[in-house]
Amino acid sequence: MKKLILYSFMSLFLISSCRESDNANVPEFIEVPMPTIKKVSGDPTISSQNPDGFTAKYSVGLYFPDGDKPAKMDIVVRKNNDNNTVKLLQADVTTYPTELTVTGLQLKTLFGSSVALGDRFDIGADLTLTNGKKYLAFPTVGVAYGAGVASPAGSSVSTRYEAVCTFKMSDYGAIGTVVPYTVIGDKWADYGAGETVDVTIIDETHLSFKYPASNALPIVVTVNPANNTTTVASVNYGNYGSQYFRTDHDPASALNFVSPCELIFSVALRHYELPADKKPPGTLYGTFPISFKKK
């Protein structure tokens, strides 16, 4: 009984002026298999900074895997809730479940323009039954598959990928490479605004730069993607003549951040002059923010 209730029932009711001799003609109910489309792996969202680099894998299956199966599914995608913009992603899917891939370049080609911040893409399935009847995922009139079809627990008749501004280190540069950045500002005044500085992309959450000090060591910036904040662990980073310095970040500052849409990172650094033995903590000079933007 539950299975019958959760299937979508399609029917057409003809309403006209009635006479006593009229008979009500009610068409037979039609059972329509319920598709299930879910994200599997890859990018959960589209980076608006690098939309062409988006790639994700999703699964196409049936809510009742042992129930009636459609003759085929055509996997489609719509943009920004507009059912007049539906495009074909993959035709003639007949194996369930199956995994498919969608990319930013694919979406760009289908819709004729690059993905922009705020764009939303919904992936669904057009069903063709064994009797030839077809039901659309995003019809221009009516509701897909029937009213209430998306309400059963665990059901997912479509999945969405949205272009958002999230931190992704590969947008800042390829892992293991050195990337030129422009200095926005340096309160320590080793660099002038507009100067170019090499930034090393270490891994998914770490990058580094050096001050133009003698015997300079890299200052490693750690990025927390959950809240877009930055930190720097204490490091003896070099010397200016006979004076040696170390630095760490000032946790009280609001200038420890990344701004993914602008490809900016900033850190508020505390500078300490070290004693002759070069052992910390040293003498604090103050807090001096420095910020960079990818060229």
Protein backbone atom coordinates (compact mmCIF):
# COMPACT_ATOMS: atom_id res chain seq x y z
CA MET A 1 0.00 0.00 0.00
CA LYS A 2 2.86 2.38 0.90
CA LYS A 3 4.44 1.76 -2.46
CA LEU A 4 1.24 2.65 -4.28
CA ILE A 5 0.83 5.83 -2.25
CA LEU A 6 4.39 6.99 -2.90
CA TYR A 7 4.17 6.40 -6.65
CA SER A 8 3.02 9.43 -8.58
CA PHE A 9 -0.51 9.06 -9.90
CA MET A 10 -1.28 10.86 -13.13
CA SER A 11 -4.82 11.46 -14.16
CA LEU A 12 -6.79 13.83 -16.30
CA PHE A 13 -10.18 15.00 -15.12
CA LEU A 14 -12.51 16.39 -17.71
CA ILE A 15 -14.91 18.95 -16.28
CA SER A 16 -17.92 20.05 -18.31
CA SER A 17 -21.52 21.05 -17.79
CA CYS A 18 -23.42 17.99 -16.62
CA ARG A 19 -26.78 16.53 -17.50
CA GLU A 20 -28.64 13.81 -15.68
CA SER A 21 -27.81 11.36 -18.45
CA ASP A 22 -24.05 12.00 -18.25
CA ASN A 23 -21.72 9.35 -16.87
CA ALA A 24 -18.50 10.29 -15.05
CA ASN A 25 -15.51 9.08 -17.03
CA VAL A 26 -12.42 8.76 -14.86
CA PRO A 27 -9.24 7.55 -16.60
CA GLU A 28 -7.18 4.73 -15.14
CA PHE A 29 -4.48 5.74 -12.67
CA ILE A 30 -0.93 5.51 -14.04
CA GLU A 31 2.02 4.49 -11.86
CA VAL A 32 5.13 6.54 -12.62
CA PRO A 33 8.48 5.30 -11.19
CA MET A 34 10.15 7.85 -8.93
CA PRO A 35 13.71 8.84 -9.89
CA THR A 36 16.34 9.48 -7.25
CA ILE A 37 19.19 11.84 -8.11
CA LYS A 38 21.87 12.58 -5.52
CA LYS A 39 25.36 14.07 -5.29
CA VAL A 40 28.12 11.46 -4.99
CA SER A 41 31.52 13.15 -5.09
CA GLY A 42 33.49 16.05 -6.48
CA ASP A 43 32.60 19.70 -5.98
CA PRO A 44 29.42 20.17 -3.91
CA THR A 45 29.10 23.70 -5.26
CA ILE A 46 30.44 25.67 -8.23
CA SER A 47 33.25 28.09 -7.48
CA SER A 48 32.24 31.41 -9.01
CA GLN A 49 35.94 32.30 -9.19
CA ASN A 50 36.73 29.30 -11.40
CA PRO A 51 33.44 27.94 -12.78
CA ASP A 52 35.09 26.16 -15.71
CA GLY A 53 37.03 24.03 -13.21
CA PHE A 54 33.85 22.64 -11.64
CA THR A 55 33.41 18.86 -11.83
CA ALA A 56 31.07 16.64 -9.86
CA LYS A 57 29.66 13.13 -9.93
CA TYR A 58 26.01 12.35 -9.20
CA SER A 59 23.95 9.17 -9.13
CA VAL A 60 20.73 8.37 -10.98
CA GLY A 61 18.54 5.65 -9.53
CA LEU A 62 15.01 4.66 -8.55
CA TYR A 63 13.32 5.23 -5.21
CA PHE A 64 11.92 1.68 -5.51
CA PRO A 65 14.80 -0.24 -7.12
CA ASP A 66 12.75 -3.44 -7.32
CA GLY A 67 9.62 -1.76 -8.66
CA ASP A 68 8.54 -0.95 -12.18
CA LYS A 69 11.28 0.63 -14.25
CA PRO A 70 10.97 3.23 -16.98
CA ALA A 71 12.01 2.41 -20.51
CA LYS A 72 14.66 5.09 -20.12
CA MET A 73 15.60 8.33 -18.41
CA ASP A 74 16.96 11.40 -20.15
CA ILE A 75 19.01 13.43 -17.67
CA VAL A 76 18.37 17.16 -18.00
CA VAL A 77 19.43 20.38 -16.31
CA ARG A 78 17.70 23.73 -15.88
CA LYS A 79 19.24 27.08 -14.98
CA ASN A 80 17.95 29.50 -12.34
CA ASN A 81 14.55 27.81 -11.87
CA ASP A 82 13.57 28.58 -15.46
CA ASN A 83 11.74 25.59 -16.93
CA ASN A 84 12.12 27.15 -20.37
CA THR A 85 15.91 26.69 -20.24
CA VAL A 86 16.05 22.91 -19.82
CA LYS A 87 19.02 21.27 -21.58
CA LEU A 88 19.92 17.60 -22.14
CA LEU A 89 22.87 16.30 -20.13
CA GLN A 90 22.70 12.56 -20.85
CA ALA A 91 20.23 10.69 -23.04
CA ASP A 92 18.96 7.12 -22.77
CA VAL A 93 19.97 6.09 -19.25
CA THR A 94 18.63 2.56 -18.70
CA THR A 95 20.82 1.17 -15.90
CA TYR A 96 19.93 2.00 -12.30
CA PRO A 97 21.70 3.12 -10.30
CA THR A 98 24.34 4.72 -12.48
CA GLU A 99 26.85 7.51 -11.85
CA LEU A 100 27.32 10.45 -14.21
CA THR A 101 29.60 13.49 -14.30
CA VAL A 102 28.78 17.14 -14.87
CA THR A 103 31.39 19.86 -15.47
CA GLY A 104 31.53 23.62 -15.60
CA LEU A 105 32.63 23.52 -19.23
CA GLN A 106 29.64 21.32 -20.04
CA LEU A 107 27.25 23.81 -18.42
CA LYS A 108 28.98 26.68 -20.21
CA THR A 109 28.52 24.96 -23.56
CA LEU A 110 24.89 24.01 -22.91
CA PHE A 111 23.75 27.46 -21.79
CA GLY A 112 26.07 29.54 -23.96
CA SER A 113 27.81 31.53 -21.22
CA SER A 114 30.15 31.06 -18.28
CA VAL A 115 28.60 30.28 -14.91
CA ALA A 116 28.27 33.42 -12.76
CA LEU A 117 27.96 33.96 -9.02
CA GLY A 118 24.43 33.04 -7.91
CA ASP A 119 23.62 30.79 -10.88
CA ARG A 120 21.72 27.63 -9.87
CA PHE A 121 21.57 24.40 -11.85
CA ASP A 122 19.04 21.66 -11.08
CA ILE A 123 19.60 18.19 -12.52
CA GLY A 124 16.55 15.98 -13.02
CA ALA A 125 15.28 13.10 -15.17
CA ASP A 126 12.70 13.03 -17.95
CA LEU A 127 11.00 9.62 -17.74
CA THR A 128 9.80 7.58 -20.69
CA LEU A 129 7.59 4.66 -19.62
CA THR A 130 7.40 1.31 -21.35
CA ASN A 131 4.06 2.38 -22.86
CA GLY A 132 5.75 5.38 -24.50
CA LYS A 133 4.34 8.04 -22.20
CA LYS A 134 6.84 10.73 -21.18
CA TYR A 135 6.98 12.76 -17.97
CA LEU A 136 9.24 15.79 -17.66
CA ALA A 137 11.45 16.71 -14.73
CA PHE A 138 10.81 20.43 -15.24
CA PRO A 139 7.54 20.89 -17.14
CA THR A 140 6.49 24.39 -18.16
CA VAL A 141 2.94 23.54 -17.05
CA GLY A 142 2.02 21.43 -14.03
CA VAL A 143 4.15 19.56 -11.51
CA ALA A 144 6.88 17.04 -12.31
CA TYR A 145 5.67 13.42 -11.94
CA GLY A 146 2.67 14.46 -9.79
CA ALA A 147 1.89 16.38 -6.62
CA GLY A 148 3.81 15.43 -3.48
CA VAL A 149 6.29 13.22 -5.29
CA ALA A 150 9.31 14.78 -3.57
CA SER A 151 7.99 14.40 -0.02
CA PRO A 152 8.81 10.75 0.93
CA ALA A 153 11.75 10.34 3.30
CA GLY A 154 15.02 9.84 1.45
CA SER A 155 13.61 10.88 -1.92
CA SER A 156 15.50 13.28 -4.17
CA VAL A 157 14.02 13.77 -7.62
CA SER A 158 16.62 16.41 -8.47
CA THR A 159 19.91 17.79 -7.18
CA ARG A 160 21.23 21.35 -7.28
CA TYR A 161 24.65 22.85 -7.91
CA GLU A 162 24.96 26.56 -7.14
CA ALA A 163 27.73 29.02 -7.99
CA VAL A 164 28.93 30.43 -4.69
CA CYS A 165 31.95 32.28 -3.35
CA THR A 166 33.77 29.64 -1.32
CA PHE A 167 37.43 29.15 -0.56
CA LYS A 168 39.23 26.68 -2.77
CA MET A 169 43.01 26.78 -2.77
CA SER A 170 43.25 25.76 -6.42
CA ASP A 171 41.58 29.10 -7.26
CA TYR A 172 44.52 30.82 -5.58
CA GLY A 173 46.98 28.72 -7.57
CA ALA A 174 47.87 25.15 -8.46
CA ILE A 175 49.16 23.10 -5.54
CA GLY A 176 52.96 23.02 -5.49
CA THR A 177 53.43 26.09 -7.69
CA VAL A 178 54.70 29.63 -7.15
CA VAL A 179 52.15 32.27 -8.15
CA PRO A 180 52.62 36.06 -8.55
CA TYR A 181 50.51 38.20 -6.22
CA THR A 182 50.10 41.94 -5.94
CA VAL A 183 50.63 43.56 -2.56
CA ILE A 184 47.53 45.49 -1.51
CA GLY A 185 49.12 46.89 1.61
CA ASP A 186 52.00 46.16 4.02
CA LYS A 187 52.05 48.07 7.31
CA TRP A 188 55.50 46.62 8.06
CA ALA A 189 56.57 48.58 4.95
CA ASP A 190 58.90 45.99 3.46
CA TYR A 191 56.70 46.01 0.36
CA GLY A 192 54.96 48.87 -1.35
CA ALA A 193 51.38 48.69 -2.57
CA GLY A 194 51.33 47.32 -6.11
CA GLU A 195 54.57 45.34 -5.82
CA THR A 196 54.61 41.76 -7.05
CA VAL A 197 55.49 39.01 -4.58
CA ASP A 198 55.83 35.29 -5.20
CA VAL A 199 53.39 33.19 -3.16
CA THR A 200 53.90 29.43 -2.82
CA ILE A 201 50.76 27.29 -2.87
CA ILE A 202 51.67 24.51 -0.45
CA ASP A 203 48.51 22.42 -0.14
CA GLU A 204 44.73 22.73 0.20
CA THR A 205 44.93 24.98 3.27
CA HIS A 206 48.44 26.46 3.32
CA LEU A 207 50.34 29.07 1.31
CA SER A 208 53.45 31.08 2.07
CA PHE A 209 55.46 34.19 1.23
CA LYS A 210 58.75 35.73 2.32
CA TYR A 211 59.75 39.18 3.45
CA PRO A 212 62.79 40.67 1.68
CA ALA A 213 64.90 40.10 4.78
CA SER A 214 68.30 38.43 4.79
CA ASN A 215 68.24 34.66 5.28
CA ALA A 216 64.48 34.86 4.74
CA LEU A 217 62.33 31.89 5.69
CA PRO A 218 58.75 31.40 4.44
CA ILE A 219 55.86 32.70 6.50
CA VAL A 220 53.23 29.97 6.24
CA VAL A 221 49.62 31.12 6.25
CA THR A 222 46.98 28.58 7.28
CA VAL A 223 43.48 29.07 5.87
CA ASN A 224 40.38 27.78 7.64
CA PRO A 225 37.85 27.18 4.81
CA ALA A 226 35.01 26.83 7.32
CA ASN A 227 35.14 30.51 8.27
CA ASN A 228 37.64 32.04 5.79
CA THR A 229 40.11 33.05 8.50
CA THR A 230 43.91 32.94 8.41
CA THR A 231 46.55 32.17 11.03
CA VAL A 232 50.36 32.09 11.11
CA ALA A 233 52.40 29.93 13.47
CA SER A 234 55.45 31.53 15.05
CA VAL A 235 58.51 31.58 12.78
CA ASN A 236 61.92 33.25 12.88
CA TYR A 237 61.67 34.69 9.40
CA GLY A 238 65.00 36.49 8.85
CA ASN A 239 67.23 39.37 9.76
CA TYR A 240 67.76 43.02 8.88
CA GLY A 241 71.48 43.54 9.42
CA SER A 242 72.26 42.23 12.89
CA GLN A 243 68.63 42.25 14.05
CA TYR A 244 66.70 38.98 13.80
CA PHE A 245 62.92 38.85 13.78
CA ARG A 246 60.12 36.41 14.30
CA THR A 247 56.41 36.75 13.57
CA ASP A 248 53.03 35.21 14.30
CA HIS A 249 49.46 36.34 13.72
CA ASP A 250 47.52 38.62 16.04
CA PRO A 251 44.36 36.67 16.96
CA ALA A 252 42.61 39.86 18.11
CA SER A 253 42.73 41.42 14.64
CA ALA A 254 39.88 41.30 12.14
CA LEU A 255 42.40 41.38 9.28
CA ASN A 256 43.14 37.65 9.32
CA PHE A 257 40.99 36.52 6.39
CA VAL A 258 40.65 35.29 2.83
CA SER A 259 38.20 36.82 0.37
CA PRO A 260 37.67 34.06 -2.20
CA CYS A 261 35.67 36.05 -4.74
CA GLU A 262 38.46 38.64 -5.00
CA LEU A 263 41.27 36.05 -4.52
CA ILE A 264 42.65 38.09 -1.62
CA PHE A 265 44.37 36.87 1.52
CA SER A 266 45.34 38.98 4.51
CA VAL A 267 47.06 38.34 7.80
CA ALA A 268 47.77 40.63 10.75
CA LEU A 269 51.34 39.84 11.77
CA ARG A 270 53.00 40.62 15.09
CA HIS A 271 56.72 41.31 14.67
CA TYR A 272 59.24 40.62 17.43
CA GLU A 273 62.91 41.56 17.56
CA LEU A 274 64.82 38.58 18.88
CA PRO A 275 67.64 38.74 21.43
CA ALA A 276 71.20 37.80 20.55
CA ASP A 277 70.51 34.10 21.16
CA LYS A 278 67.57 34.33 18.71
CA LYS A 279 65.23 32.68 21.19
CA PRO A 280 61.61 33.83 21.49
CA PRO A 281 59.60 35.61 22.58
CA GLY A 282 61.64 38.74 21.84
CA THR A 283 60.52 42.36 21.91
CA LEU A 284 57.13 43.03 20.34
CA TYR A 285 57.13 45.87 17.82
CA GLY A 286 53.38 45.73 17.24
CA THR A 287 50.83 44.35 14.77
CA PHE A 288 51.35 45.00 11.06
CA PRO A 289 48.77 43.61 8.61
CA ILE A 290 49.80 42.56 5.11
CA SER A 291 47.43 41.64 2.29
CA PHE A 292 47.78 40.23 -1.22
CA LYS A 293 45.64 39.80 -4.31
CA LYS A 294 46.24 37.26 -7.06
CA LYS A 295 47.41 38.92 -10.27
